[in-house]
Amino acid sequence: MHGTTTATGRHTDRALAGVYLSMLLGLGLNAGCLGNITNEPFSEDALFLAALPSQEQHSISVADQQQAATDTGLAAEDSWGTDFPSGAEPVSSDDLDLLAMTEDVSASINDAIFTMLGYVDLVRASPPTERGDDYRLWGPWSMSDGSGNYIKTRILRSGEGYYEWSFQIASTTGGPWTAFFTGAHLGGETVEQGVGEFLEDITAFALVESTSDRGTVDVQYDNRDGVQLAVQIEDLEVDDLSQVVSALYWYQQDQEGTGEFEFQTWADLDGAGLDENTEVKTRWSSDQAVRSDASLSAGDLGQTEILISQCWNQDHELVYQWDSAGILEFLGDEADCPYVEASLPQHLQD
């Protein structure tokens, strides 16, 4: 992964939101094929549908702030300012805002996840085309983009509460069918409360659609107690993106609202041609006070690692700021942070 030029923030948002919106929602399914789930088999159909991902169970909420980040349109690289800090003069917190960066990245991931779920919403709104004791089928449906391609969905049940599902595309109703959005789910106390994984294969989709796009987005989740997500973007390359995007994300939030979000990206923060490694861990308490800790390394920094910590109170006013290189103006008392000790990402793996 380190050998590939990657990016975060605006690049991830533009790539994921744009690609998925065009591929999943813009291409769409023929609305005439949709209907209402019939009442008689509804309870059994609902068990199969509960195994599919949902926005409620598979979204990132960083201290209830990602809507504000979406409204401002702040991109992650914008939160670093136009120039990479040189250390010659202290800079204000406005030039480096880890919370703004975290909010923007989380909003980008939500855009990607929600758009992937566009097809799921269409399936939930339609009765199955075919039912069996251990399976449900939807489609084939014609796509509304004029491509002449078709989509179908299959959910299989095996064992107690274990489901596998796939969304497939083909140029004819007779196939051959190519799976581009797949997943597996193991239910817990209820079918919905379980663990699983889903994968968006842009490369597979693009082969049928005859485009040059490629890449994958993989999401592993655990819904048994709150929400936990691990997201990995691999080699995402689309027409409107100048760089290949790869990134790692890890998120959890319990039912009381306490949570943390970790992300790691390689991006050229100063525009000098070398990628810096950025790792950020943001934690928040149930009262929405926040602490973010970050590490910058590689690229133009060479062997130097810069550590950064920032804290905000419940009103998201900055109460503490420190960095190891003296780049930022020192502010406040670490005792005012919701977490008094720094902590860098621990769940990210290449």
Protein backbone atom coordinates (compact mmCIF):
# COMPACT_ATOMS: atom_id res chain seq x y z
CA MET A 1 0.00 0.00 0.00
CA HIS A 2 2.85 2.40 0.73
CA GLY A 3 4.08 2.17 -2.82
CA THR A 4 0.83 3.58 -4.21
CA THR A 5 -0.01 7.25 -4.32
CA THR A 6 -3.03 7.72 -2.08
CA ALA A 7 -5.19 10.50 -0.75
CA THR A 8 -7.87 11.27 1.80
CA GLY A 9 -10.53 13.86 2.53
CA ARG A 10 -11.61 15.62 -0.65
CA HIS A 11 -10.11 12.91 -2.87
CA THR A 12 -11.85 10.12 -0.96
CA ASP A 13 -15.10 12.05 -0.81
CA ARG A 14 -15.05 12.93 -4.50
CA ALA A 15 -14.07 9.43 -5.55
CA LEU A 16 -16.41 7.47 -3.34
CA ALA A 17 -19.45 9.73 -3.35
CA GLY A 18 -19.16 10.38 -7.08
CA VAL A 19 -18.39 6.83 -8.12
CA TYR A 20 -21.04 5.18 -6.01
CA LEU A 21 -23.70 7.74 -6.76
CA SER A 22 -23.15 7.26 -10.48
CA MET A 23 -22.78 3.50 -10.35
CA LEU A 24 -25.44 2.59 -7.82
CA LEU A 25 -28.01 5.37 -7.69
CA GLY A 26 -27.53 7.18 -10.98
CA LEU A 27 -27.65 3.94 -12.93
CA GLY A 28 -30.54 2.79 -10.81
CA LEU A 29 -33.15 0.15 -11.38
CA ASN A 30 -36.33 0.48 -13.38
CA ALA A 31 -38.80 2.00 -10.92
CA GLY A 32 -41.65 0.16 -12.58
CA CYS A 33 -40.28 -3.08 -11.18
CA LEU A 34 -40.75 -1.97 -7.58
CA GLY A 35 -43.73 -2.69 -5.37
CA ASN A 36 -44.72 -3.30 -1.76
CA ILE A 37 -43.75 -6.33 0.29
CA THR A 38 -46.80 -8.54 0.51
CA ASN A 39 -48.35 -9.01 3.94
CA GLU A 40 -48.64 -12.80 4.11
CA PRO A 41 -44.95 -13.79 3.89
CA PHE A 42 -43.72 -10.49 5.34
CA SER A 43 -42.36 -11.93 8.60
CA GLU A 44 -40.22 -14.50 6.80
CA ASP A 45 -39.08 -12.03 4.13
CA ALA A 46 -38.13 -9.64 6.93
CA LEU A 47 -35.65 -12.16 8.35
CA PHE A 48 -33.79 -12.28 5.05
CA LEU A 49 -33.88 -8.49 4.68
CA ALA A 50 -32.58 -8.03 8.24
CA ALA A 51 -29.34 -9.71 7.16
CA LEU A 52 -28.63 -6.86 4.71
CA PRO A 53 -26.71 -3.77 5.89
CA SER A 54 -28.60 -0.61 6.83
CA GLN A 55 -27.77 3.06 7.31
CA GLU A 56 -28.74 2.89 10.99
CA GLN A 57 -26.36 0.03 11.73
CA HIS A 58 -23.52 0.94 9.37
CA SER A 59 -22.84 4.67 9.66
CA ILE A 60 -20.17 6.70 11.44
CA SER A 61 -21.22 9.44 13.88
CA VAL A 62 -18.28 11.39 15.31
CA ALA A 63 -19.60 13.25 18.35
CA ASP A 64 -22.80 14.00 16.43
CA GLN A 65 -20.90 16.37 14.14
CA GLN A 66 -20.56 14.89 10.67
CA GLN A 67 -23.61 16.77 9.42
CA ALA A 68 -21.86 20.05 10.26
CA ALA A 69 -18.79 18.88 8.35
CA THR A 70 -20.93 18.04 5.35
CA ASP A 71 -22.59 21.45 5.49
CA THR A 72 -19.27 23.32 5.56
CA GLY A 73 -17.77 21.20 2.80
CA LEU A 74 -14.39 21.21 4.57
CA ALA A 75 -11.98 18.72 3.03
CA ALA A 76 -9.36 16.96 5.11
CA GLU A 77 -6.41 18.54 3.34
CA ASP A 78 -8.00 21.98 3.82
CA SER A 79 -7.79 21.55 7.59
CA TRP A 80 -4.00 21.49 7.28
CA GLY A 81 -3.81 24.85 5.49
CA THR A 82 -2.26 25.50 2.10
CA ASP A 83 1.33 25.02 3.27
CA PHE A 84 2.76 22.15 5.26
CA PRO A 85 3.88 23.53 8.67
CA SER A 86 7.59 24.33 8.54
CA GLY A 87 8.04 25.11 12.21
CA ALA A 88 9.55 28.51 11.43
CA GLU A 89 6.56 30.34 12.90
CA PRO A 90 3.83 29.04 15.23
CA VAL A 91 0.51 28.61 13.46
CA SER A 92 -2.96 28.89 14.94
CA SER A 93 -5.35 25.99 15.50
CA ASP A 94 -7.30 27.21 12.47
CA ASP A 95 -4.47 25.86 10.31
CA LEU A 96 -4.66 22.41 11.84
CA ASP A 97 -7.98 21.11 13.11
CA LEU A 98 -8.00 17.37 13.80
CA LEU A 99 -11.71 17.38 14.66
CA ALA A 100 -12.59 19.02 11.33
CA MET A 101 -10.42 16.45 9.57
CA THR A 102 -12.11 13.60 11.44
CA GLU A 103 -15.58 14.94 10.69
CA ASP A 104 -14.81 15.31 7.00
CA VAL A 105 -13.35 11.83 6.67
CA SER A 106 -16.30 10.28 8.53
CA ALA A 107 -18.75 12.12 6.26
CA SER A 108 -16.86 10.78 3.22
CA ILE A 109 -17.12 7.22 4.49
CA ASN A 110 -20.82 7.67 5.24
CA ASP A 111 -21.35 8.90 1.68
CA ALA A 112 -19.70 5.73 0.39
CA ILE A 113 -21.57 3.37 2.71
CA PHE A 114 -24.95 5.03 2.19
CA THR A 115 -24.56 4.97 -1.57
CA MET A 116 -23.62 1.30 -1.50
CA LEU A 117 -26.89 0.76 0.30
CA GLY A 118 -28.88 2.33 -2.53
CA TYR A 119 -29.58 -1.08 -4.03
CA VAL A 120 -30.46 -2.47 -0.60
CA ASP A 121 -33.14 0.20 -0.23
CA LEU A 122 -34.60 -0.80 -3.58
CA VAL A 123 -34.71 -4.45 -2.54
CA ARG A 124 -36.38 -3.58 0.77
CA ALA A 125 -39.10 -1.75 -1.16
CA SER A 126 -39.91 -4.69 -3.42
CA PRO A 127 -41.29 -8.19 -2.85
CA PRO A 128 -39.01 -11.08 -3.81
CA THR A 129 -39.34 -12.39 -7.32
CA GLU A 130 -38.89 -15.94 -6.02
CA ARG A 131 -39.08 -17.48 -2.54
CA GLY A 132 -37.71 -20.75 -1.17
CA ASP A 133 -37.28 -22.18 2.32
CA ASP A 134 -33.68 -20.96 2.49
CA TYR A 135 -33.42 -18.30 -0.19
CA ARG A 136 -34.98 -15.18 -1.69
CA LEU A 137 -34.41 -13.78 -5.19
CA TRP A 138 -35.10 -10.30 -6.59
CA GLY A 139 -34.97 -9.48 -10.29
CA PRO A 140 -33.60 -9.50 -12.91
CA TRP A 141 -34.39 -5.80 -13.20
CA SER A 142 -33.43 -3.63 -16.15
CA MET A 143 -31.14 -0.72 -15.33
CA SER A 144 -32.42 2.74 -16.15
CA ASP A 145 -29.15 4.14 -17.52
CA GLY A 146 -29.73 2.91 -21.06
CA SER A 147 -26.86 0.42 -20.87
CA GLY A 148 -29.17 -2.55 -21.46
CA ASN A 149 -27.69 -4.28 -18.41
CA TYR A 150 -29.61 -6.06 -15.67
CA ILE A 151 -29.36 -6.45 -11.90
CA LYS A 152 -30.52 -9.26 -9.63
CA THR A 153 -30.17 -9.97 -5.90
CA ARG A 154 -29.90 -13.26 -4.04
CA ILE A 155 -29.98 -13.98 -0.29
CA LEU A 156 -29.17 -17.51 0.92
CA ARG A 157 -29.71 -18.80 4.46
CA SER A 158 -27.72 -21.71 5.88
CA GLY A 159 -27.57 -22.82 9.49
CA GLU A 160 -28.96 -20.81 12.37
CA GLY A 161 -28.99 -17.13 11.46
CA TYR A 162 -26.23 -17.23 8.80
CA TYR A 163 -26.92 -15.44 5.52
CA GLU A 164 -24.93 -14.79 2.35
CA TRP A 165 -26.10 -12.26 -0.21
CA SER A 166 -25.02 -10.81 -3.53
CA PHE A 167 -26.00 -8.14 -6.05
CA GLN A 168 -25.10 -9.20 -9.58
CA ILE A 169 -24.96 -7.50 -12.97
CA ALA A 170 -25.22 -8.96 -16.49
CA SER A 171 -25.69 -7.73 -20.04
CA THR A 172 -28.61 -10.14 -20.61
CA THR A 173 -31.23 -11.71 -18.35
CA GLY A 174 -29.62 -15.07 -19.09
CA GLY A 175 -26.22 -14.02 -17.75
CA PRO A 176 -23.42 -14.69 -17.26
CA TRP A 177 -23.84 -12.86 -13.94
CA THR A 178 -21.04 -10.95 -12.22
CA ALA A 179 -21.24 -10.28 -8.47
CA PHE A 180 -20.21 -6.70 -7.59
CA PHE A 181 -21.76 -6.14 -4.13
CA THR A 182 -21.58 -9.13 -1.78
CA GLY A 183 -21.75 -9.89 1.91
CA ALA A 184 -22.18 -12.42 4.70
CA HIS A 185 -24.00 -11.94 8.01
CA LEU A 186 -24.32 -14.01 11.19
CA GLY A 187 -27.21 -12.95 13.40
CA GLY A 188 -27.03 -12.61 17.17
CA GLU A 189 -29.94 -12.21 19.59
CA THR A 190 -31.85 -11.02 16.54
CA VAL A 191 -30.93 -11.41 12.88
CA GLU A 192 -30.12 -7.71 12.62
CA GLN A 193 -27.87 -7.65 15.70
CA GLY A 194 -24.91 -9.63 14.41
CA VAL A 195 -21.52 -9.58 12.73
CA GLY A 196 -20.61 -9.62 9.09
CA GLU A 197 -18.81 -8.14 6.12
CA PHE A 198 -19.69 -6.64 2.75
CA LEU A 199 -17.57 -5.81 -0.29
CA GLU A 200 -18.09 -3.39 -3.15
CA ASP A 201 -16.08 -4.55 -6.16
CA ILE A 202 -15.86 -1.60 -8.53
CA THR A 203 -13.56 -3.47 -10.89
CA ALA A 204 -16.11 -6.27 -11.43
CA PHE A 205 -18.90 -3.76 -12.03
CA ALA A 206 -16.78 -1.73 -14.45
CA LEU A 207 -15.96 -4.76 -16.58
CA VAL A 208 -19.63 -5.24 -17.40
CA GLU A 209 -20.27 -1.51 -17.75
CA SER A 210 -17.17 -1.19 -20.00
CA THR A 211 -15.44 1.51 -17.96
CA SER A 212 -11.85 1.74 -16.71
CA ASP A 213 -12.77 2.23 -13.03
CA ARG A 214 -11.29 -0.17 -10.50
CA GLY A 215 -10.88 -0.73 -6.78
CA THR A 216 -12.71 -2.21 -3.79
CA VAL A 217 -14.31 -1.04 -0.56
CA ASP A 218 -14.53 -3.65 2.20
CA VAL A 219 -16.58 -3.15 5.39
CA GLN A 220 -16.43 -5.46 8.40
CA TYR A 221 -18.95 -4.78 11.16
CA ASP A 222 -20.24 -5.87 14.56
CA ASN A 223 -23.73 -4.70 15.56
CA ARG A 224 -24.12 -6.77 18.73
CA ASP A 225 -23.45 -3.91 21.17
CA GLY A 226 -23.51 -0.49 19.56
CA VAL A 227 -21.72 -0.12 16.23
CA GLN A 228 -18.24 -1.21 15.16
CA LEU A 229 -16.91 -0.78 11.62
CA ALA A 230 -13.59 -1.53 9.92
CA VAL A 231 -13.38 -0.02 6.42
CA GLN A 232 -10.61 -0.66 3.89
CA ILE A 233 -10.37 1.09 0.52
CA GLU A 234 -7.99 -0.57 -1.91
CA ASP A 235 -6.61 0.86 -5.17
CA LEU A 236 -9.61 3.02 -5.99
CA GLU A 237 -9.11 4.60 -9.40
CA VAL A 238 -11.81 6.43 -11.33
CA ASP A 239 -11.94 8.87 -14.23
CA ASP A 240 -12.38 12.03 -12.14
CA LEU A 241 -9.63 11.16 -9.65
CA SER A 242 -6.01 12.02 -10.39
CA GLN A 243 -4.60 9.60 -7.81
CA VAL A 244 -5.16 6.03 -6.72
CA VAL A 245 -6.85 6.00 -3.32
CA SER A 246 -6.17 3.53 -0.52
CA ALA A 247 -7.09 4.10 3.12
CA LEU A 248 -7.95 2.36 6.40
CA TYR A 249 -10.62 3.30 8.93
CA TRP A 250 -11.83 1.85 12.24
CA TYR A 251 -14.84 3.07 14.22
CA GLN A 252 -16.85 2.09 17.26
CA GLN A 253 -19.55 3.70 19.37
CA ASP A 254 -21.44 2.14 22.26
CA GLN A 255 -25.09 2.60 23.10
CA GLU A 256 -24.27 5.43 25.54
CA GLY A 257 -22.63 7.50 22.80
CA THR A 258 -18.98 7.01 23.77
CA GLY A 259 -16.84 6.22 20.76
CA GLU A 260 -13.63 6.44 18.79
CA PHE A 261 -12.59 6.72 15.15
CA GLU A 262 -9.18 5.84 13.73
CA PHE A 263 -7.96 6.47 10.20
CA GLN A 264 -4.70 6.29 8.29
CA THR A 265 -3.89 7.68 4.88
CA TRP A 266 -0.94 8.49 2.67
CA ALA A 267 -1.28 11.90 1.04
CA ASP A 268 0.94 14.72 -0.21
CA LEU A 269 -0.08 17.29 2.39
CA ASP A 270 2.23 20.06 1.21
CA GLY A 271 2.06 19.42 -2.54
CA ALA A 272 5.82 18.83 -2.77
CA GLY A 273 5.51 15.45 -4.47
CA LEU A 274 6.08 13.11 -1.51
CA ASP A 275 3.34 11.39 0.47
CA GLU A 276 3.18 11.93 4.23
CA ASN A 277 1.73 9.23 6.47
CA THR A 278 -1.11 10.61 8.60
CA GLU A 279 -2.62 8.57 11.44
CA VAL A 280 -5.40 10.04 13.56
CA LYS A 281 -7.37 8.71 16.53
CA THR A 282 -10.36 10.71 17.74
CA ARG A 283 -12.24 9.78 20.93
CA TRP A 284 -15.37 11.28 22.42
CA SER A 285 -17.25 10.83 25.68
CA SER A 286 -20.99 10.42 26.10
CA ASP A 287 -21.30 14.17 26.73
CA GLN A 288 -19.60 14.77 23.33
CA ALA A 289 -16.31 16.19 24.63
CA VAL A 290 -13.56 15.19 22.17
CA ARG A 291 -9.85 14.37 22.08
CA SER A 292 -7.84 13.83 18.87
CA ASP A 293 -4.25 12.56 18.68
CA ALA A 294 -2.28 12.35 15.46
CA SER A 295 1.06 11.26 14.08
CA LEU A 296 2.70 12.66 10.94
CA SER A 297 5.68 10.91 9.39
CA ALA A 298 7.50 10.07 6.15
CA GLY A 299 7.33 12.20 3.00
CA ASP A 300 9.05 15.55 3.44
CA LEU A 301 9.41 14.82 7.15
CA GLY A 302 11.98 12.12 6.45
CA GLN A 303 12.77 10.27 9.69
CA THR A 304 10.97 12.85 11.82
CA GLU A 305 7.64 12.02 13.47
CA ILE A 306 5.40 14.86 14.65
CA LEU A 307 2.85 14.12 17.38
CA ILE A 308 -0.20 16.33 17.79
CA SER A 309 -2.96 16.46 20.44
CA GLN A 310 -6.08 18.62 20.55
CA CYS A 311 -9.11 18.57 22.89
CA TRP A 312 -12.55 20.17 22.81
CA ASN A 313 -15.24 20.55 25.46
CA GLN A 314 -18.91 19.57 25.12
CA ASP A 315 -19.56 22.71 23.06
CA HIS A 316 -16.62 21.79 20.80
CA GLU A 317 -14.54 24.74 21.93
CA LEU A 318 -10.79 24.05 21.78
CA VAL A 319 -9.47 23.66 25.35
CA TYR A 320 -6.07 22.04 24.78
CA GLN A 321 -3.47 21.96 22.03
CA TRP A 322 0.08 20.61 21.84
CA ASP A 323 2.51 19.21 19.31
CA SER A 324 5.99 17.73 19.59
CA ALA A 325 7.62 20.10 17.06
CA GLY A 326 6.43 23.44 18.40
CA ILE A 327 4.43 24.10 15.23
CA LEU A 328 1.20 25.03 17.01
CA GLU A 329 0.58 27.61 19.66
CA PHE A 330 0.44 25.79 23.02
CA LEU A 331 -3.01 26.11 24.57
CA GLY A 332 -4.79 25.05 27.77
CA ASP A 333 -4.35 22.20 30.23
CA GLU A 334 -4.40 18.52 29.30
CA ALA A 335 -6.39 17.87 32.48
CA ASP A 336 -9.36 19.52 30.71
CA CYS A 337 -9.41 16.79 28.06
CA PRO A 338 -12.06 14.05 28.27
CA TYR A 339 -9.14 11.58 28.06
CA VAL A 340 -5.99 12.77 29.80
CA GLU A 341 -3.55 10.46 27.99
CA ALA A 342 -2.72 10.50 24.29
CA SER A 343 -3.55 7.42 22.23
CA LEU A 344 -2.68 6.73 18.59
CA PRO A 345 -4.47 4.24 16.28
CA GLN A 346 -4.24 0.64 17.43
CA HIS A 347 -6.74 -1.18 15.20
CA LEU A 348 -5.42 -0.34 11.74
CA GLN A 349 -3.61 -3.02 9.78
CA ASP A 350 -2.35 -3.07 6.22
